Amino acid sequence: MLAHPPADSASGSSATPAPDNPLLLNQNVNAYGPSPTALAELRANYSSVLRFPKQEAANLADTLVALHKIKNDQLILGCGSREVMSMAAKACLGPSRKLITALPTFKAISHCADEVSAETIAIPITRRSEHDLAATLAKVDSSTGLIYICNPNNPTGTITPRKDIEDFLQKLPRTVNVLIDEAYHGYPSSSDQYVSFINRPIDDDRVIVTRSFSKIYGLAGLRVGYGVGASATIKKLSAFALPQGVNVLAARAARAALGDTAYVKDCADRNMSERQELMNQVNARMLRAIDSLANFVMVNSGRQADEVIDHLKKHNVMVGPYFPSLPKYVRVTMGTSAQMGAFWRAFDLQPGHPMPMPM
C-alpha cells in the first residue's frame, strides 16, 4: 500500500462532521487527495509564481502529447476541462444551433450553451442509465451543432459502451460535433465496454475528448484540464481559449501527477473497495443504488431525495444536489472508510428509518 496524505487533509473534510468542518461528499473529488509527488512539486516551486506559465504549460502539453501519442496541434489545455467545454460551445454552437445532452448529466455543458444563446435538448437516460443514443439520433437535425456524452456519466456513474458510441458516430451527420467527457477516466477498469477515445482514438474529426485533473488526480483546486481532437477541430477551439489559462503551479503539479501511475492505480483500487462497501451498506438497509464505475454512487434513499439532502446537511454531511429526474436518488461521493461510516451514521438518523445491519 502506498503512502497517502492524511485522509482528512486530503479530502478537505473530517470524518467527524461539524458546522465549521462539514463532511464533503458532494464534489466527486479524490478522497485521498493529490499524489505525494505532485504535492512535493508544489512545495518546491512556490517561487515560480513570479513568472508567466508559458514554459510550464508547454512542458505539460509535451508530456500529454507523448503520453497519448498524438501531435501537438491535437491538444489544447484549459483552466479545468470546463474551459474546454466552453471553447467547444463557442466553436460549435450559437443562437441558431442546438446542443443535445442526456438527462441527467453534468450541467456545465448546458451552462456553456446558455452563454452563447444556444438551445439545449435533454434526452432522458435509458433504463440501464446509459445515454440514449437512438433517441439522441432521432432529435438530430440541421440545427444540431454539438452532442455531449459524459462517460462515465455524472451523476449516475454509468458507462455507455464504446461500441454503441462508435455505431452512433457512424450514423451521425458529418456536420455535428461530439464532445466525449472523460473526466472520470481512471476509475473504470479497462474492458470492451469502456475504452477511452483518447487511449484508442478513431479517425473522426468531429470528436472532441476532454479530460480533467480534478478527479482521480486530486487537483480540483488548481483548475487544469485538456481536450484532444483532430488538428482542424482543436484549431477552431483554440480561437476561444483563455491565453495562458493554466497557471505555473497547476502545470507543474499536473505533470508530476501524470508520472505517478502507481498512486493513481492505488486510488482507483481503494475507491473500488469503498464503493463495494457502500453497496453492501445499501443492501443491508434494503435500499437500492445504480451500479457505478466512478467515484460516486446514486443511492435510492427510498424517500424524497431533497428531504434526505436537507437532513444530511443538518448533520454537517454534504452530498450531491437534487436531480429532479431521479427524485429519490442521492449522489454520494466516495470518501475514506471513516468518512463513509460518518455518512451512514447521519443517514440512519432520519426519522422512521429502519435500523441498519451492524457496520
Protein backbone atom coordinates (compact mmCIF):
# COMPACT_ATOMS: atom_id res chain seq x y z
CA MET A 1 0.00 0.00 0.00
CA LEU A 2 1.33 3.42 -0.94
CA ALA A 3 1.79 6.30 1.43
CA HIS A 4 -1.08 8.77 1.41
CA PRO A 5 -1.63 12.24 2.80
CA PRO A 6 -3.74 12.23 5.98
CA ALA A 7 -7.30 11.42 4.95
CA ASP A 8 -8.92 14.48 6.49
CA SER A 9 -6.50 16.97 4.95
CA ALA A 10 -6.64 15.22 1.60
CA SER A 11 -10.40 15.29 1.31
CA GLY A 12 -10.85 18.72 2.83
CA SER A 13 -13.37 17.35 5.34
CA SER A 14 -13.30 15.39 8.56
CA ALA A 15 -14.71 12.01 9.50
CA THR A 16 -16.29 13.85 12.46
CA PRO A 17 -18.57 16.40 10.77
CA ALA A 18 -19.04 19.77 12.42
CA PRO A 19 -20.57 23.10 11.31
CA ASP A 20 -17.14 24.57 10.65
CA ASN A 21 -15.79 21.38 9.09
CA PRO A 22 -18.56 19.56 7.21
CA LEU A 23 -18.10 16.19 5.55
CA LEU A 24 -17.85 16.99 1.84
CA LEU A 25 -19.25 14.08 -0.16
CA ASN A 26 -20.66 16.37 -2.83
CA GLN A 27 -17.87 17.26 -5.27
CA ASN A 28 -16.72 13.90 -6.71
CA VAL A 29 -13.07 14.56 -5.90
CA ASN A 30 -10.46 12.01 -4.87
CA ALA A 31 -10.84 11.29 -1.14
CA TYR A 32 -7.09 10.67 -0.86
CA GLY A 33 -6.03 13.92 -2.46
CA PRO A 34 -3.12 14.55 -4.83
CA SER A 35 -0.14 12.30 -5.35
CA PRO A 36 2.69 12.96 -2.85
CA THR A 37 4.83 13.58 -5.94
CA ALA A 38 2.50 16.36 -7.08
CA LEU A 39 2.42 17.87 -3.59
CA ALA A 40 6.20 17.83 -3.42
CA GLU A 41 6.35 19.60 -6.78
CA LEU A 42 4.03 22.32 -5.47
CA ARG A 43 6.00 22.84 -2.27
CA ALA A 44 9.30 23.03 -4.11
CA ASN A 45 8.15 25.59 -6.68
CA TYR A 46 6.20 28.31 -4.90
CA SER A 47 8.76 30.87 -6.04
CA SER A 48 7.92 30.14 -9.69
CA VAL A 49 4.64 32.06 -9.35
CA LEU A 50 6.50 35.26 -10.24
CA ARG A 51 6.66 34.04 -13.87
CA PHE A 52 4.05 33.61 -16.57
CA PRO A 53 3.33 29.91 -17.25
CA LYS A 54 4.40 29.68 -20.89
CA GLN A 55 7.23 27.17 -20.37
CA GLU A 56 5.46 25.10 -17.71
CA ALA A 57 2.30 24.84 -19.82
CA ALA A 58 4.38 23.82 -22.82
CA ASN A 59 6.10 21.13 -20.74
CA LEU A 60 2.73 19.76 -19.61
CA ALA A 61 1.45 19.78 -23.19
CA ASP A 62 4.55 17.94 -24.40
CA THR A 63 4.08 15.31 -21.69
CA LEU A 64 0.44 14.77 -22.67
CA VAL A 65 1.29 14.61 -26.37
CA ALA A 66 3.86 11.90 -25.68
CA LEU A 67 1.52 10.04 -23.32
CA HIS A 68 -1.34 9.92 -25.80
CA LYS A 69 0.85 9.51 -28.90
CA ILE A 70 -0.73 12.49 -30.67
CA LYS A 71 0.53 15.63 -32.40
CA ASN A 72 0.96 18.94 -30.61
CA ASP A 73 -1.82 20.55 -32.61
CA GLN A 74 -4.27 17.85 -31.49
CA LEU A 75 -4.17 19.01 -27.85
CA ILE A 76 -5.47 22.06 -26.05
CA LEU A 77 -5.05 22.87 -22.36
CA GLY A 78 -7.74 24.53 -20.31
CA CYS A 79 -8.47 26.05 -16.92
CA GLY A 80 -10.17 22.78 -16.00
CA SER A 81 -12.00 20.74 -18.61
CA ARG A 82 -14.84 23.21 -18.04
CA GLU A 83 -12.92 25.77 -20.10
CA VAL A 84 -12.51 23.29 -22.96
CA MET A 85 -16.28 22.71 -22.89
CA SER A 86 -16.76 26.46 -23.11
CA MET A 87 -14.44 26.59 -26.13
CA ALA A 88 -16.41 23.80 -27.80
CA ALA A 89 -19.71 25.56 -27.16
CA LYS A 90 -18.41 28.79 -28.64
CA ALA A 91 -16.94 26.99 -31.65
CA CYS A 92 -19.91 24.72 -32.39
CA LEU A 93 -23.00 26.50 -31.04
CA GLY A 94 -24.80 29.82 -31.20
CA PRO A 95 -28.31 31.32 -31.29
CA SER A 96 -29.36 29.15 -34.23
CA ARG A 97 -27.59 25.97 -33.11
CA LYS A 98 -28.63 23.24 -30.66
CA LEU A 99 -26.86 21.18 -28.04
CA ILE A 100 -28.10 17.66 -27.23
CA THR A 101 -27.29 16.15 -23.83
CA ALA A 102 -28.55 13.39 -21.55
CA LEU A 103 -30.93 13.85 -18.61
CA PRO A 104 -29.49 13.78 -16.05
CA THR A 105 -25.89 14.60 -16.85
CA PHE A 106 -23.19 17.13 -15.93
CA LYS A 107 -24.82 20.55 -16.23
CA ALA A 108 -21.76 22.62 -17.08
CA ILE A 109 -22.12 21.99 -20.81
CA SER A 110 -25.68 23.35 -20.76
CA HIS A 111 -24.43 26.46 -18.97
CA CYS A 112 -21.86 26.85 -21.73
CA ALA A 113 -24.64 26.60 -24.31
CA ASP A 114 -26.63 29.24 -22.44
CA GLU A 115 -23.65 31.59 -22.64
CA VAL A 116 -23.85 31.55 -26.44
CA SER A 117 -27.69 31.61 -26.54
CA ALA A 118 -27.94 28.06 -27.87
CA GLU A 119 -30.87 25.78 -27.14
CA THR A 120 -30.28 22.61 -25.11
CA ILE A 121 -32.28 19.44 -25.76
CA ALA A 122 -32.05 16.91 -22.92
CA ILE A 123 -32.75 13.24 -23.69
CA PRO A 124 -33.68 11.01 -20.70
CA ILE A 125 -31.20 8.23 -20.00
CA THR A 126 -32.19 4.63 -20.68
CA ARG A 127 -33.43 2.13 -18.12
CA ARG A 128 -29.81 0.96 -17.87
CA SER A 129 -28.83 4.57 -17.03
CA GLU A 130 -26.89 4.93 -20.29
CA HIS A 131 -27.01 7.74 -22.83
CA ASP A 132 -29.97 7.01 -25.11
CA LEU A 133 -28.10 7.27 -28.38
CA ALA A 134 -31.04 6.13 -30.54
CA ALA A 135 -33.30 8.81 -29.08
CA THR A 136 -30.47 11.34 -29.45
CA LEU A 137 -30.03 10.49 -33.12
CA ALA A 138 -33.77 10.93 -33.68
CA LYS A 139 -33.51 14.52 -32.38
CA VAL A 140 -30.59 15.50 -34.64
CA ASP A 141 -31.44 17.95 -37.41
CA SER A 142 -29.72 20.64 -39.44
CA SER A 143 -29.56 22.95 -36.40
CA THR A 144 -27.70 20.48 -34.19
CA GLY A 145 -24.17 21.73 -33.53
CA LEU A 146 -22.89 19.64 -30.63
CA ILE A 147 -23.73 16.43 -28.77
CA TYR A 148 -22.39 15.84 -25.25
CA ILE A 149 -21.63 12.35 -23.93
CA CYS A 150 -20.34 12.12 -20.36
CA ASN A 151 -18.69 8.73 -19.95
CA PRO A 152 -18.82 7.63 -17.15
CA ASN A 153 -21.87 9.79 -16.71
CA ASN A 154 -22.25 12.25 -13.85
CA PRO A 155 -24.43 11.76 -11.75
CA THR A 156 -25.18 8.09 -12.46
CA GLY A 157 -21.61 6.78 -12.64
CA THR A 158 -22.62 4.51 -15.51
CA ILE A 159 -20.91 4.00 -18.85
CA THR A 160 -22.28 3.97 -22.36
CA PRO A 161 -20.49 1.12 -24.16
CA ARG A 162 -17.73 2.08 -26.54
CA LYS A 163 -19.22 0.04 -29.41
CA ASP A 164 -22.57 1.82 -29.06
CA ILE A 165 -20.86 5.22 -29.32
CA GLU A 166 -18.90 4.12 -32.38
CA ASP A 167 -22.09 2.89 -34.07
CA PHE A 168 -23.78 6.18 -33.18
CA LEU A 169 -20.96 8.19 -34.74
CA GLN A 170 -21.26 6.28 -38.00
CA LYS A 171 -24.94 7.25 -38.26
CA LEU A 172 -24.45 10.86 -37.23
CA PRO A 173 -24.38 13.61 -39.89
CA ARG A 174 -20.88 14.87 -40.67
CA THR A 175 -21.86 18.39 -39.63
CA VAL A 176 -22.36 17.52 -35.93
CA ASN A 177 -19.51 17.52 -33.40
CA VAL A 178 -19.49 15.21 -30.38
CA LEU A 179 -17.84 16.08 -27.07
CA ILE A 180 -16.98 12.99 -25.02
CA ASP A 181 -16.31 13.98 -21.42
CA GLU A 182 -13.89 11.53 -19.79
CA ALA A 183 -13.48 13.42 -16.50
CA TYR A 184 -13.75 10.17 -14.53
CA HIS A 185 -11.28 8.23 -16.62
CA GLY A 186 -9.05 6.21 -14.33
CA TYR A 187 -11.90 4.85 -12.22
CA PRO A 188 -13.46 2.31 -14.63
CA SER A 189 -11.34 -0.75 -15.26
CA SER A 190 -10.38 -1.34 -18.89
CA SER A 191 -12.82 -3.51 -20.80
CA ASP A 192 -14.53 -3.75 -24.16
CA GLN A 193 -17.40 -1.79 -22.62
CA TYR A 194 -15.29 1.19 -21.55
CA VAL A 195 -12.34 2.16 -23.72
CA SER A 196 -11.18 5.78 -23.83
CA PHE A 197 -11.47 7.65 -27.10
CA ILE A 198 -8.04 9.11 -26.34
CA ASN A 199 -6.34 5.85 -25.47
CA ARG A 200 -7.82 4.21 -28.55
CA PRO A 201 -8.72 7.04 -30.92
CA ILE A 202 -10.83 6.82 -34.04
CA ASP A 203 -10.31 8.67 -37.29
CA ASP A 204 -13.15 11.15 -36.86
CA ASP A 205 -12.56 14.89 -36.85
CA ARG A 206 -15.96 15.54 -35.22
CA VAL A 207 -14.91 14.03 -31.89
CA ILE A 208 -13.56 16.17 -29.04
CA VAL A 209 -12.48 14.33 -25.88
CA THR A 210 -11.99 16.16 -22.59
CA ARG A 211 -10.06 15.07 -19.52
CA SER A 212 -9.66 16.63 -16.09
CA PHE A 213 -7.04 16.64 -13.35
CA SER A 214 -9.81 17.42 -10.84
CA LYS A 215 -10.95 13.86 -10.16
CA ILE A 216 -8.61 10.88 -9.78
CA TYR A 217 -5.55 13.17 -9.79
CA GLY A 218 -6.95 15.16 -6.84
CA LEU A 219 -6.12 18.61 -8.24
CA ALA A 220 -9.57 20.20 -8.46
CA GLY A 221 -8.45 23.40 -6.75
CA LEU A 222 -5.72 24.05 -9.31
CA ARG A 223 -8.12 24.01 -12.30
CA VAL A 224 -6.41 22.17 -15.12
CA GLY A 225 -7.81 20.01 -17.88
CA TYR A 226 -7.37 19.40 -21.58
CA GLY A 227 -9.04 18.43 -24.82
CA VAL A 228 -7.92 16.15 -27.64
CA GLY A 229 -9.23 16.10 -31.20
CA ALA A 230 -8.36 16.47 -34.84
CA SER A 231 -5.95 19.30 -35.65
CA ALA A 232 -8.56 21.35 -37.51
CA THR A 233 -11.08 20.93 -34.70
CA ILE A 234 -8.62 21.92 -31.98
CA LYS A 235 -7.65 24.97 -34.04
CA LYS A 236 -11.30 26.10 -34.01
CA LEU A 237 -11.46 25.66 -30.23
CA SER A 238 -8.19 27.49 -29.65
CA ALA A 239 -9.70 30.70 -31.00
CA PHE A 240 -11.76 30.83 -27.80
CA ALA A 241 -9.08 29.76 -25.32
CA LEU A 242 -8.08 31.92 -22.39
CA PRO A 243 -4.47 32.99 -23.03
CA GLN A 244 -2.16 31.32 -20.52
CA GLY A 245 -5.17 29.85 -18.71
CA VAL A 246 -3.17 27.13 -16.95
CA ASN A 247 -1.09 28.59 -14.14
CA VAL A 248 2.51 27.71 -13.28
CA LEU A 249 1.82 25.54 -10.23
CA ALA A 250 -1.12 23.77 -11.87
CA ALA A 251 1.01 22.83 -14.86
CA ARG A 252 3.86 21.59 -12.68
CA ALA A 253 1.59 19.57 -10.36
CA ALA A 254 -0.39 18.05 -13.23
CA ARG A 255 2.78 16.93 -14.97
CA ALA A 256 4.06 15.34 -11.75
CA ALA A 257 0.71 13.63 -11.18
CA LEU A 258 0.81 12.07 -14.63
CA GLY A 259 4.09 10.41 -13.75
CA ASP A 260 2.83 8.81 -10.54
CA THR A 261 0.88 5.99 -12.16
CA ALA A 262 1.22 3.70 -9.14
CA TYR A 263 -0.55 6.26 -6.96
CA VAL A 264 -3.39 6.63 -9.46
CA LYS A 265 -3.90 2.86 -9.54
CA ASP A 266 -3.85 2.68 -5.76
CA CYS A 267 -6.52 5.38 -5.53
CA ALA A 268 -8.67 3.58 -8.10
CA ASP A 269 -8.33 0.32 -6.16
CA ARG A 270 -9.23 1.98 -2.87
CA ASN A 271 -12.20 3.68 -4.50
CA MET A 272 -13.44 0.35 -5.85
CA SER A 273 -13.19 -1.21 -2.39
CA GLU A 274 -15.06 1.65 -0.71
CA ARG A 275 -17.68 1.64 -3.46
CA GLN A 276 -18.32 -2.06 -2.90
CA GLU A 277 -18.65 -1.47 0.83
CA LEU A 278 -21.16 1.31 0.14
CA MET A 279 -23.18 -1.16 -1.94
CA ASN A 280 -23.02 -3.62 0.95
CA GLN A 281 -24.42 -0.99 3.29
CA VAL A 282 -27.12 -0.10 0.76
CA ASN A 283 -28.18 -3.74 0.60
CA ALA A 284 -28.08 -4.08 4.40
CA ARG A 285 -30.66 -1.30 4.60
CA MET A 286 -32.78 -2.92 1.87
CA LEU A 287 -32.22 0.09 -0.38
CA ARG A 288 -31.05 0.20 -3.98
CA ALA A 289 -28.35 2.05 -5.93
CA ILE A 290 -27.28 2.50 -9.52
CA ASP A 291 -24.19 0.42 -10.33
CA SER A 292 -21.40 2.96 -10.67
CA LEU A 293 -17.94 2.74 -12.21
CA ALA A 294 -16.90 6.17 -10.96
CA ASN A 295 -16.05 7.63 -7.53
CA PHE A 296 -19.64 8.35 -6.59
CA VAL A 297 -22.88 6.38 -6.34
CA MET A 298 -26.53 7.33 -6.83
CA VAL A 299 -28.34 5.80 -3.84
CA ASN A 300 -32.10 5.31 -3.95
CA SER A 301 -32.94 6.61 -0.49
CA GLY A 302 -36.49 5.27 -0.54
CA ARG A 303 -37.87 8.76 0.08
CA GLN A 304 -37.72 12.22 -1.48
CA ALA A 305 -34.07 12.99 -2.12
CA ASP A 306 -34.36 16.70 -1.36
CA GLU A 307 -35.56 15.81 2.14
CA VAL A 308 -32.65 13.41 2.63
CA ILE A 309 -30.19 16.03 1.39
CA ASP A 310 -31.59 18.57 3.88
CA HIS A 311 -31.43 16.02 6.71
CA LEU A 312 -27.79 15.23 5.99
CA LYS A 313 -26.93 18.91 5.75
CA LYS A 314 -28.34 19.45 9.25
CA HIS A 315 -25.84 16.83 10.40
CA ASN A 316 -23.00 18.57 8.54
CA VAL A 317 -22.81 15.99 5.76
CA MET A 318 -22.91 17.41 2.23
CA VAL A 319 -23.93 15.21 -0.69
CA GLY A 320 -24.71 15.95 -4.34
CA PRO A 321 -27.55 18.22 -5.49
CA TYR A 322 -31.14 17.20 -6.08
CA PHE A 323 -31.79 15.74 -9.54
CA PRO A 324 -35.50 16.13 -10.42
CA SER A 325 -35.36 13.33 -13.00
CA LEU A 326 -34.24 10.92 -10.24
CA PRO A 327 -36.35 12.25 -7.35
CA LYS A 328 -35.44 9.60 -4.75
CA TYR A 329 -31.73 9.30 -5.55
CA VAL A 330 -28.91 10.92 -3.58
CA ARG A 331 -25.46 11.22 -5.16
CA VAL A 332 -22.74 10.28 -2.67
CA THR A 333 -19.07 10.87 -3.42
CA MET A 334 -16.83 8.09 -2.13
CA GLY A 335 -14.82 9.10 0.93
CA THR A 336 -12.41 7.25 3.19
CA SER A 337 -13.71 4.37 5.31
CA ALA A 338 -14.07 6.65 8.32
CA GLN A 339 -15.92 9.28 6.30
CA MET A 340 -18.34 6.74 4.84
CA GLY A 341 -19.05 5.49 8.36
CA ALA A 342 -19.91 9.06 9.36
CA PHE A 343 -22.19 9.36 6.33
CA TRP A 344 -24.17 6.27 7.28
CA ARG A 345 -24.47 7.33 10.92
CA ALA A 346 -26.05 10.60 9.79
CA PHE A 347 -28.18 8.85 7.15
CA ASP A 348 -29.57 6.42 9.75
CA LEU A 349 -30.75 9.26 12.00
CA GLN A 350 -33.63 10.03 9.64
CA PRO A 351 -37.00 9.81 11.39
CA GLY A 352 -38.69 6.49 10.71
CA HIS A 353 -35.59 4.99 9.13
CA PRO A 354 -35.31 1.24 9.77
CA MET A 355 -32.47 0.04 11.96
CA PRO A 356 -29.49 -0.93 9.79
CA MET A 357 -27.41 -4.06 9.98
CA PRO A 358 -24.26 -3.63 12.17
CA MET A 359 -21.39 -1.94 10.28
